[in-house]
Protein backbone atom coordinates (compact mmCIF):
# COMPACT_ATOMS: atom_id res chain seq x y z
CA MET A 1 -10.30 2.61 -8.16
CA GLY A 2 -6.83 4.97 -7.52
CA VAL A 3 -3.34 3.63 -7.39
CA ILE A 4 -1.98 4.70 -3.93
CA GLU A 5 2.28 5.33 -4.59
CA VAL A 6 4.71 5.42 -1.39
CA ASP A 7 7.95 6.40 -1.71
CA LEU A 8 8.40 3.47 1.68
CA PHE A 9 11.60 1.48 1.44
CA SER A 10 15.38 1.75 0.10
CA ARG A 11 15.96 1.75 -3.06
CA ASP A 12 18.01 -1.92 -3.41
CA VAL A 13 13.71 -3.65 -2.23
CA ASN A 14 12.67 -4.48 -5.67
CA SER A 15 11.10 -7.84 -5.16
CA LEU A 16 8.03 -8.76 -4.38
CA ASP A 17 9.48 -11.09 -2.11
CA HIS A 18 11.22 -9.53 0.42
CA PRO A 19 10.65 -9.74 3.62
CA GLU A 20 9.47 -6.39 4.29
CA VAL A 21 7.19 -5.58 1.19
CA ILE A 22 6.07 -9.57 2.16
CA LYS A 23 4.82 -8.00 5.38
CA PHE A 24 3.81 -5.04 4.35
CA LYS A 25 1.18 -6.79 1.79
CA ALA A 26 0.11 -9.08 4.94
CA LEU A 27 -1.08 -5.37 6.57
CA LEU A 28 -2.69 -4.40 3.99
CA LYS A 29 -4.97 -7.20 2.98
CA SER A 30 -5.25 -6.95 7.12
CA VAL A 31 -6.52 -3.46 6.57
CA ALA A 32 -8.78 -4.74 3.89
CA ASN A 33 -10.26 -7.26 5.27
CA GLU A 34 -11.09 -5.08 8.22
CA PHE A 35 -13.10 -2.42 5.84
CA ASN A 36 -14.27 -5.62 3.84
CA CYS A 37 -13.01 -5.05 0.55
CA ASN A 38 -10.24 -6.14 -1.15
CA LEU A 39 -6.02 -5.55 -2.09
CA LEU A 40 -6.25 -5.23 -5.83
CA HIS A 41 -3.08 -4.20 -6.62
CA PHE A 42 0.42 -4.36 -5.59
CA GLU A 43 3.89 -3.78 -6.06
CA ILE A 44 6.74 -2.74 -5.59
CA ASP A 45 9.55 -1.34 -8.16
CA HIS A 46 12.77 0.29 -6.63
CA GLY A 47 11.23 0.72 -3.16
CA THR A 48 8.52 2.50 -4.37
CA VAL A 49 4.89 0.31 -3.34
CA LEU A 50 1.86 1.00 -5.53
CA PHE A 51 -0.97 -0.79 -4.56
CA SER A 52 -4.29 -0.54 -5.17
CA PHE A 53 -8.32 -1.32 -2.77
CA ASP A 54 -11.75 -1.86 -4.04
CA ASP A 55 -12.77 1.20 -1.85
CA ASP A 56 -12.51 4.72 -2.38
CA LEU A 57 -13.66 5.21 0.69
CA LEU A 58 -11.10 2.89 2.50
CA THR A 59 -8.09 4.71 0.14
CA ALA A 60 -9.41 8.22 0.04
CA GLU A 61 -7.95 8.20 4.22
CA ILE A 62 -5.37 6.62 3.72
CA ILE A 63 -4.25 9.40 1.50
CA LYS A 64 -5.68 11.80 4.38
CA ILE A 65 -3.69 10.07 6.62
CA LEU A 66 -0.53 9.76 4.72
CA HIS A 67 -1.14 13.57 2.96
CA GLU A 68 -1.30 14.87 7.56
CA LYS A 69 2.00 12.60 8.21
CA VAL A 70 3.86 14.83 5.29
CA GLU A 71 2.33 17.93 6.85
């Protein structure tokens, strides 16, 4: 299992109770549900989101998508 780390929000976003963080976590749970897996880990650290699923194929697909967005 790998953890995906994404600088997604501004540095002042540092709470799991922040509305945007809540929305993003719900989105990840929805994706996990579609892939019949679970969101295992989710945390926020000064705008950086760290999360993981119990499905290596989903994790690999997300990393691929993120990599393509950077290029």
